[in-house]
Protein backbone atom coordinates (compact mmCIF):
# COMPACT_ATOMS: atom_id res chain seq x y z
CA UNK A 1 156.38 26.41 -159.69
CA UNK A 2 153.21 24.58 -160.83
CA UNK A 3 153.94 21.85 -158.24
CA UNK A 4 154.29 24.51 -155.52
CA UNK A 5 151.07 26.18 -156.65
CA UNK A 6 149.22 22.88 -156.52
CA UNK A 7 150.61 22.18 -153.05
CA UNK A 8 149.58 25.64 -151.82
CA UNK A 9 146.09 25.14 -153.30
CA UNK A 10 145.66 21.82 -151.47
CA UNK A 11 146.90 23.34 -148.20
CA UNK A 12 144.45 26.25 -148.61
CA UNK A 13 141.53 23.87 -149.26
CA UNK A 14 142.49 21.71 -146.26
CA UNK A 15 142.54 24.75 -143.99
CA UNK A 16 139.18 25.94 -145.36
CA UNK A 17 137.79 22.45 -144.77
CA UNK A 18 138.95 22.50 -141.14
CA UNK A 19 137.13 25.80 -140.58
CA UNK A 20 134.02 24.54 -142.37
CA UNK A 21 133.89 21.37 -140.27
CA UNK A 22 134.40 23.38 -137.08
CA UNK A 23 131.51 25.73 -137.86
CA UNK A 24 129.33 22.81 -138.99
CA UNK A 25 129.89 21.10 -135.61
CA UNK A 26 129.13 24.28 -133.67
CA UNK A 27 125.98 24.88 -135.72
CA UNK A 28 124.92 21.24 -135.39
CA UNK A 29 124.81 20.78 -139.16
CA UNK A 30 126.04 17.78 -141.15
CA UNK A 31 128.52 18.72 -143.85
CA UNK A 32 125.96 18.05 -146.59
CA UNK A 33 123.62 20.61 -145.01
CA UNK A 34 126.53 23.03 -144.63
CA UNK A 35 127.37 22.70 -148.34
CA UNK A 36 123.76 23.35 -149.34
CA UNK A 37 123.21 26.19 -146.86
CA UNK A 38 126.44 27.95 -147.87
CA UNK A 39 125.57 27.76 -151.57
CA UNK A 40 122.04 29.03 -151.01
CA UNK A 41 123.38 31.80 -148.77
CA UNK A 42 125.85 32.83 -151.47
CA UNK A 43 123.13 33.05 -154.11
CA UNK A 44 120.80 34.99 -151.77
CA UNK A 45 123.64 37.34 -150.83
CA UNK A 46 124.49 37.95 -154.48
CA UNK A 47 120.92 39.07 -155.07
CA UNK A 48 120.84 41.08 -151.84
CA UNK A 49 123.99 42.95 -152.84
CA UNK A 50 122.72 43.61 -156.37
CA UNK A 51 119.34 44.83 -155.10
CA UNK A 52 120.90 47.08 -152.45
CA UNK A 53 123.33 48.62 -154.95
CA UNK A 54 120.43 49.27 -157.33
CA UNK A 55 118.15 50.80 -154.69
CA UNK A 56 120.82 52.82 -152.89
CA UNK A 57 122.81 54.03 -155.89
CA UNK A 58 120.35 54.00 -158.80
CA UNK A 59 120.10 51.64 -161.76
CA UNK A 60 123.18 52.81 -163.73
CA UNK A 61 125.51 53.34 -160.81
CA UNK A 62 124.22 50.19 -159.14
CA UNK A 63 125.13 48.17 -162.23
CA UNK A 64 128.55 49.84 -162.36
CA UNK A 65 129.26 48.82 -158.75
CA UNK A 66 127.92 45.30 -159.24
CA UNK A 67 130.01 44.88 -162.39
CA UNK A 68 133.05 46.03 -160.41
CA UNK A 69 132.27 43.43 -157.73
CA UNK A 70 132.04 40.58 -160.26
CA UNK A 71 135.27 41.77 -161.87
CA UNK A 72 137.03 41.76 -158.52
CA UNK A 73 135.75 38.25 -157.84
CA UNK A 74 136.87 37.10 -161.30
CA UNK A 75 140.30 38.70 -160.95
CA UNK A 76 140.63 36.97 -157.57
CA UNK A 77 139.52 33.55 -158.88
CA UNK A 78 141.12 33.14 -162.31
CA UNK A 79 144.78 33.11 -161.15
CA UNK A 80 143.82 30.53 -158.52
CA UNK A 81 142.24 28.34 -161.20
CA UNK A 82 145.41 28.58 -163.29
CA UNK A 83 147.58 27.75 -160.26
CA UNK A 84 145.41 24.76 -159.36
CA UNK A 85 145.69 23.41 -162.91
CA UNK A 86 149.43 24.14 -163.02
CA UNK A 87 149.00 26.60 -165.92
CA UNK A 88 151.73 29.23 -166.21
CA UNK A 89 151.32 30.10 -169.88
CA UNK A 90 148.23 30.23 -172.06
CA UNK A 91 148.98 29.64 -175.71
CA UNK A 92 145.60 28.73 -177.17
CA UNK A 93 141.83 28.79 -176.74
CA UNK A 94 141.87 25.19 -175.58
CA UNK A 95 143.71 26.18 -172.41
CA UNK A 96 141.22 28.98 -171.75
CA UNK A 97 138.41 26.45 -172.23
CA UNK A 98 140.02 24.09 -169.76
CA UNK A 99 140.19 26.86 -167.16
CA UNK A 100 136.58 27.94 -167.75
CA UNK A 101 135.40 24.32 -167.42
CA UNK A 102 137.21 23.88 -164.07
CA UNK A 103 135.96 27.20 -162.71
CA UNK A 104 132.35 26.55 -163.65
CA UNK A 105 132.40 22.99 -162.35
CA UNK A 106 133.64 24.05 -158.92
CA UNK A 107 131.29 27.04 -158.67
CA UNK A 108 129.36 24.58 -158.86
CA UNK A 109 127.74 24.66 -162.28
CA UNK A 110 126.87 21.52 -164.26
CA UNK A 111 129.10 22.37 -167.20
CA UNK A 112 129.57 20.42 -170.40
CA UNK A 113 132.36 21.22 -172.85
CA UNK A 114 130.99 20.59 -176.34
CA UNK A 115 134.09 21.56 -178.30
CA UNK A 116 137.53 22.66 -177.16
CA UNK A 117 140.26 23.25 -179.76
CA UNK A 118 143.13 25.67 -180.16
CA UNK A 119 140.74 28.06 -181.93
CA UNK A 120 137.31 27.69 -180.31
CA UNK A 121 135.68 26.67 -177.03
CA UNK A 122 131.95 25.89 -176.80
CA UNK A 123 130.42 25.09 -173.44
CA UNK A 124 126.96 24.50 -172.06
CA UNK A 125 125.64 25.20 -168.57
CA UNK A 126 122.96 22.58 -167.88
CA UNK A 127 122.32 23.77 -164.31
CA UNK A 128 123.35 26.89 -162.40
CA UNK A 129 122.75 27.56 -158.68
CA UNK A 130 121.85 31.19 -159.33
CA UNK A 131 118.47 30.63 -160.98
CA UNK A 132 118.06 27.43 -158.93
CA UNK A 133 118.66 29.01 -155.51
CA UNK A 134 118.46 32.71 -156.29
CA UNK A 135 115.70 35.28 -155.63
CA UNK A 136 112.07 34.26 -155.59
CA UNK A 137 110.16 36.90 -153.64
CA UNK A 138 109.81 39.55 -156.33
CA UNK A 139 109.04 38.67 -159.95
CA UNK A 140 110.10 41.95 -161.60
CA UNK A 141 113.22 42.31 -159.46
CA UNK A 142 114.13 38.73 -160.26
CA UNK A 143 114.05 39.34 -164.01
CA UNK A 144 116.06 42.56 -163.70
CA UNK A 145 118.63 40.72 -161.57
CA UNK A 146 118.97 37.81 -163.99
CA UNK A 147 119.39 40.15 -166.94
CA UNK A 148 122.33 41.59 -165.03
CA UNK A 149 123.68 38.11 -164.29
CA UNK A 150 123.62 37.18 -167.98
CA UNK A 151 125.46 40.41 -168.82
CA UNK A 152 128.21 39.96 -166.21
CA UNK A 153 128.73 36.32 -167.19
CA UNK A 154 129.90 37.61 -170.57
CA UNK A 155 131.84 40.52 -169.13
CA UNK A 156 133.71 40.46 -166.79
CA UNK A 157 133.59 36.68 -166.11
CA UNK A 158 134.41 35.12 -169.49
CA UNK A 159 136.34 38.16 -170.68
CA UNK A 160 138.32 37.88 -167.44
CA UNK A 161 139.68 34.50 -168.53
CA UNK A 162 140.62 35.98 -171.90
CA UNK A 163 142.39 38.91 -170.27
CA UNK A 164 144.34 36.56 -168.03
CA UNK A 165 145.34 34.53 -171.10
CA UNK A 166 146.51 37.67 -172.93
CA UNK A 167 148.63 38.56 -169.92
CA UNK A 168 150.17 35.09 -169.93
CA UNK A 169 151.29 34.50 -173.48
CA UNK A 170 148.16 34.36 -175.62
CA UNK A 171 148.56 36.25 -178.90
CA UNK A 172 145.69 37.53 -181.02
CA UNK A 173 142.17 38.81 -180.57
CA UNK A 174 139.39 36.77 -179.03
CA UNK A 175 135.62 37.02 -179.36
CA UNK A 176 133.35 35.91 -176.53
CA UNK A 177 129.60 35.37 -176.66
CA UNK A 178 126.76 34.06 -174.49
CA UNK A 179 123.99 33.69 -177.09
CA UNK A 180 121.55 32.11 -174.65
CA UNK A 181 121.25 31.90 -170.86
CA UNK A 182 119.11 29.86 -168.49
CA UNK A 183 118.49 32.79 -166.17
CA UNK A 184 116.95 34.99 -168.87
CA UNK A 185 115.07 32.41 -170.95
CA UNK A 186 112.99 29.67 -169.36
CA UNK A 187 112.50 28.12 -172.80
CA UNK A 188 116.13 27.01 -173.19
CA UNK A 189 117.68 24.05 -171.39
CA UNK A 190 121.26 25.34 -171.18
CA UNK A 191 123.42 28.44 -171.27
CA UNK A 192 125.81 28.55 -174.22
CA UNK A 193 129.34 29.97 -173.97
CA UNK A 194 131.49 30.59 -177.04
CA UNK A 195 135.13 31.71 -176.88
CA UNK A 196 136.89 31.85 -180.26
CA UNK A 197 139.83 33.40 -182.01
CA UNK A 198 138.82 36.35 -184.13
CA UNK A 199 138.18 35.10 -187.66
CA UNK A 200 137.00 31.66 -186.54
CA UNK A 201 133.44 31.21 -187.90
CA UNK A 202 130.83 31.25 -185.13
CA UNK A 203 128.99 27.95 -184.65
CA UNK A 204 125.37 27.66 -185.62
CA UNK A 205 122.89 27.96 -182.79
CA UNK A 206 119.72 26.41 -184.21
CA UNK A 207 116.51 26.61 -182.23
CA UNK A 208 115.60 23.30 -180.60
CA UNK A 209 112.09 21.96 -181.09
CA UNK A 210 110.30 21.67 -177.74
CA UNK A 211 110.15 17.87 -177.95
CA UNK A 212 113.96 17.67 -178.27
CA UNK A 213 114.73 19.77 -175.21
CA UNK A 214 116.22 17.89 -172.29
CA UNK A 215 115.72 20.09 -169.25
CA UNK A 216 117.84 19.33 -166.19
CA UNK A 217 114.84 19.09 -163.88
CA UNK A 218 113.30 16.28 -165.95
CA UNK A 219 115.81 13.81 -164.48
CA UNK A 220 115.93 15.28 -160.99
CA UNK A 221 113.08 13.54 -159.20
CA UNK A 222 112.95 14.38 -155.49
CA UNK A 223 116.72 14.74 -155.10
CA UNK A 224 118.18 18.06 -153.95
CA UNK A 225 119.64 19.71 -157.11
CA UNK A 226 123.08 20.38 -155.60
CA UNK A 227 123.58 16.76 -154.56
CA UNK A 228 122.37 15.54 -157.95
CA UNK A 229 124.86 17.86 -159.68
CA UNK A 230 127.77 16.77 -157.48
CA UNK A 231 127.04 13.13 -158.37
CA UNK A 232 126.98 14.00 -162.06
CA UNK A 233 130.33 15.77 -161.65
CA UNK A 234 131.85 12.92 -159.66
CA UNK A 235 132.50 15.31 -156.77
CA UNK A 236 131.58 15.28 -153.08
CA UNK A 237 130.07 17.60 -150.47
CA UNK A 238 133.48 17.46 -148.75
CA UNK A 239 134.95 19.19 -151.79
CA UNK A 240 132.13 21.68 -152.30
CA UNK A 241 131.26 22.73 -148.75
CA UNK A 242 134.49 24.63 -147.98
CA UNK A 243 134.48 26.33 -151.40
CA UNK A 244 130.93 27.66 -150.95
CA UNK A 245 131.47 28.58 -147.29
CA UNK A 246 134.64 30.58 -147.90
CA UNK A 247 133.16 32.02 -151.11
CA UNK A 248 130.25 33.48 -149.10
CA UNK A 249 132.64 35.27 -146.71
CA UNK A 250 135.03 36.50 -149.41
CA UNK A 251 132.16 37.83 -151.53
CA UNK A 252 130.83 39.84 -148.59
CA UNK A 253 134.26 41.37 -148.01
CA UNK A 254 134.62 42.23 -151.71
CA UNK A 255 131.23 43.99 -151.74
CA UNK A 256 132.36 46.08 -148.80
CA UNK A 257 135.65 46.92 -150.50
CA UNK A 258 133.98 47.89 -153.79
CA UNK A 259 131.85 50.37 -151.86
CA UNK A 260 134.77 51.88 -149.96
CA UNK A 261 136.86 52.15 -153.13
CA UNK A 262 134.16 54.27 -154.80
CA UNK A 263 132.25 56.10 -152.08
CA UNK A 264 133.05 58.15 -149.02
CA UNK A 265 133.55 56.14 -145.85
CA UNK A 266 130.23 57.08 -144.24
CA UNK A 267 128.14 56.39 -147.36
CA UNK A 268 129.96 53.14 -148.11
CA UNK A 269 129.36 51.87 -144.57
CA UNK A 270 125.69 52.85 -144.78
CA UNK A 271 125.13 51.01 -148.08
CA UNK A 272 126.91 47.93 -146.71
CA UNK A 273 124.62 48.00 -143.68
CA UNK A 274 121.59 48.14 -145.98
CA UNK A 275 122.72 44.89 -147.65
CA UNK A 276 122.31 43.06 -144.35
CA UNK A 277 119.01 44.77 -143.59
CA UNK A 278 117.43 43.03 -146.61
CA UNK A 279 117.27 39.71 -144.69
CA UNK A 280 115.65 40.10 -141.21
CA UNK A 281 112.04 40.38 -142.37
CA UNK A 282 112.23 37.14 -144.37
CA UNK A 283 114.33 35.32 -141.77
CA UNK A 284 111.98 36.22 -138.91
CA UNK A 285 109.11 34.65 -140.87
CA UNK A 286 111.18 31.50 -141.40
CA UNK A 287 112.11 31.42 -137.70
CA UNK A 288 108.47 31.67 -136.57
CA UNK A 289 107.55 28.70 -138.76
CA UNK A 290 110.59 26.59 -137.94
CA UNK A 291 110.39 27.24 -134.18
CA UNK A 292 106.57 27.05 -134.15
CA UNK A 293 106.22 30.43 -132.47
CA UNK A 294 103.21 32.70 -132.65
CA UNK A 295 103.12 36.11 -131.04
CA UNK A 296 106.46 36.84 -129.39
CA UNK A 297 106.17 38.14 -125.82
CA UNK A 298 108.93 36.22 -124.06
CA UNK A 299 112.62 37.24 -124.06
CA UNK A 300 113.80 33.65 -124.47
CA UNK A 301 111.60 33.22 -127.55
CA UNK A 302 113.00 36.47 -128.92
CA UNK A 303 116.52 35.15 -128.24
CA UNK A 304 115.65 31.90 -130.08
CA UNK A 305 114.57 33.91 -133.12
CA UNK A 306 117.77 35.99 -133.08
CA UNK A 307 119.89 32.83 -132.75
CA UNK A 308 117.97 31.21 -135.63
CA UNK A 309 118.56 34.23 -137.87
CA UNK A 310 122.25 34.36 -136.90
CA UNK A 311 122.60 30.73 -138.02
CA UNK A 312 121.51 31.87 -141.49
CA UNK A 313 124.82 33.75 -141.70
CA UNK A 314 126.76 30.97 -139.89
CA UNK A 315 127.21 32.85 -136.59
CA UNK A 316 126.41 30.45 -133.72
CA UNK A 317 124.95 31.64 -130.42
CA UNK A 318 123.97 29.95 -127.16
CA UNK A 319 121.12 31.33 -125.08
CA UNK A 320 121.80 31.94 -121.38
CA UNK A 321 119.20 33.33 -118.94
CA UNK A 322 120.71 36.07 -116.77
CA UNK A 323 118.20 36.55 -113.98
CA UNK A 324 114.78 38.12 -114.16
CA UNK A 325 113.96 39.86 -117.45
CA UNK A 326 117.49 39.40 -118.87
CA UNK A 327 118.73 36.90 -121.45
CA UNK A 328 122.17 36.66 -123.01
CA UNK A 329 123.22 35.37 -126.43
CA UNK A 330 126.84 34.24 -126.36
CA UNK A 331 129.08 32.89 -129.12
CA UNK A 332 132.79 32.30 -129.55
CA UNK A 333 132.83 31.98 -133.35
CA UNK A 334 132.18 34.35 -136.25
CA UNK A 335 133.19 33.34 -139.80
CA UNK A 336 133.40 36.95 -141.00
CA UNK A 337 136.11 37.54 -138.40
CA UNK A 338 137.80 34.15 -138.21
CA UNK A 339 137.86 33.10 -141.86
CA UNK A 340 138.14 36.65 -143.15
CA UNK A 341 141.25 37.27 -141.06
CA UNK A 342 142.93 33.97 -141.98
CA UNK A 343 142.26 33.95 -145.70
CA UNK A 344 142.18 37.67 -146.49
CA UNK A 345 144.77 38.81 -143.95
CA UNK A 346 145.16 42.16 -142.24
CA UNK A 347 143.11 43.98 -144.88
CA UNK A 348 139.86 42.78 -143.22
CA UNK A 349 140.80 44.58 -140.02
CA UNK A 350 139.67 48.15 -139.48
CA UNK A 351 137.11 49.31 -142.02
CA UNK A 352 135.57 45.94 -142.93
CA UNK A 353 135.18 44.52 -139.43
CA UNK A 354 133.96 47.88 -138.14
CA UNK A 355 131.26 47.70 -140.80
CA UNK A 356 130.49 44.06 -139.94
CA UNK A 357 130.00 45.11 -136.31
CA UNK A 358 127.78 48.09 -137.17
CA UNK A 359 125.73 46.08 -139.67
CA UNK A 360 125.22 43.30 -137.11
CA UNK A 361 123.88 45.78 -134.55
CA UNK A 362 121.44 47.26 -137.08
CA UNK A 363 120.52 43.73 -138.20
CA UNK A 364 119.57 42.54 -134.69
CA UNK A 365 117.51 45.72 -134.07
CA UNK A 366 115.65 44.99 -137.32
CA UNK A 367 114.96 41.43 -136.15
CA UNK A 368 113.52 42.72 -132.87
CA UNK A 369 111.33 45.15 -134.83
CA UNK A 370 110.22 42.28 -137.06
CA UNK A 371 108.96 40.37 -134.01
CA UNK A 372 107.06 43.49 -132.85
CA UNK A 373 109.04 43.42 -129.59
CA UNK A 374 110.85 46.77 -130.07
CA UNK A 375 108.49 48.47 -127.60
CA UNK A 376 109.06 45.78 -124.96
CA UNK A 377 112.72 44.78 -125.26
CA UNK A 378 116.11 46.31 -125.90
CA UNK A 379 119.46 44.80 -126.85
CA UNK A 380 122.97 45.74 -125.75
CA UNK A 381 126.08 44.46 -127.51
CA UNK A 382 128.46 43.76 -124.61
CA UNK A 383 131.25 42.12 -126.59
CA UNK A 384 132.01 41.69 -130.29
CA UNK A 385 134.57 39.46 -132.00
CA UNK A 386 134.62 41.93 -134.89
CA UNK A 387 135.84 44.62 -132.48
CA UNK A 388 138.61 42.42 -131.08
CA UNK A 389 136.83 40.94 -128.05
CA UNK A 390 137.13 37.28 -127.05
CA UNK A 391 133.49 36.48 -127.88
CA UNK A 392 130.17 37.81 -129.12
CA UNK A 393 127.74 38.68 -126.34
CA UNK A 394 124.36 40.40 -126.53
CA UNK A 395 122.04 41.10 -123.60
CA UNK A 396 118.28 41.26 -124.09
CA UNK A 397 116.33 43.15 -121.42
CA UNK A 398 112.78 44.29 -120.94
CA UNK A 399 112.20 48.01 -121.34
């Protein structure tokens, strides 16, 4: 069985890699850029989901929903980690530590196991993509978000590994702690994870003098952090790109499912739509700078901005003039449809893809508003892959 699980894991990764390479070609991105973009998109989306839950549902309920999302992600991931490592039974803390190390490394986190015995696991996170590539536009929101991230790292992430172990042969009680975290304390140079059998004395956690601290960024230079981390891990962008790309899609689907499991259909769909409406304002600003556009008055320039923003979520479009005062955006690929259907199966059909379609329509209207062209142009969705059509097609026309 472990051999079969390993074989299935390799087949799954190969298939994900084929999809990642196909989208990278269509988007005109080298695989290294795809790996970086997908990881940054995942971190931005995590924050966007958290912020939307908080604003739409309130602080307490928002945390409850976000916790449920991280639990679903953990419950999805941990059995796959065990299968990849060929682990069928967990008899000690050392095996839990081995699983945590593998999971963190492929997240990717720069993880260092300090001690791993049958009674205690101590690990350090020297670099994490969440504070590295996470939110930056709002100082107070950022701190509130990272406090949440520190809390959910303890439970349900680390406790999720313990629960899996207890379901697969581990006997006895376990204590888990995260006494310090990078995302909530800029004065520490690593997160610290402790998983120990109840009764095992906790390790000391002495404060480090400032002169003894070895912050990750001190040795970074001008190198992109992700690529520096992959070198340190002895891993490649070919290994990381498909994991981050698929992870982005799966996480979006899980957020949608958490909402529909706990809210009425209409409210769940509305909150999901709001997640995607957090991005257009920022992306339009990026598009103007990248495309060197000032005031938008031309339909083709508007189409260029929409296509640029769609690339941010890995949906490629080509721009095709359609006569006077009409421009089409056409694309044959959509990762939320293609990868979602292949890797998540029939359950993405119906509710999820209906919501993807509705959110995309609202998203493009928000982009047009962000360019101040809403009074001068309108958009019509002619075809949608999410609705079962053979391509995505939008028509821009002058009012």
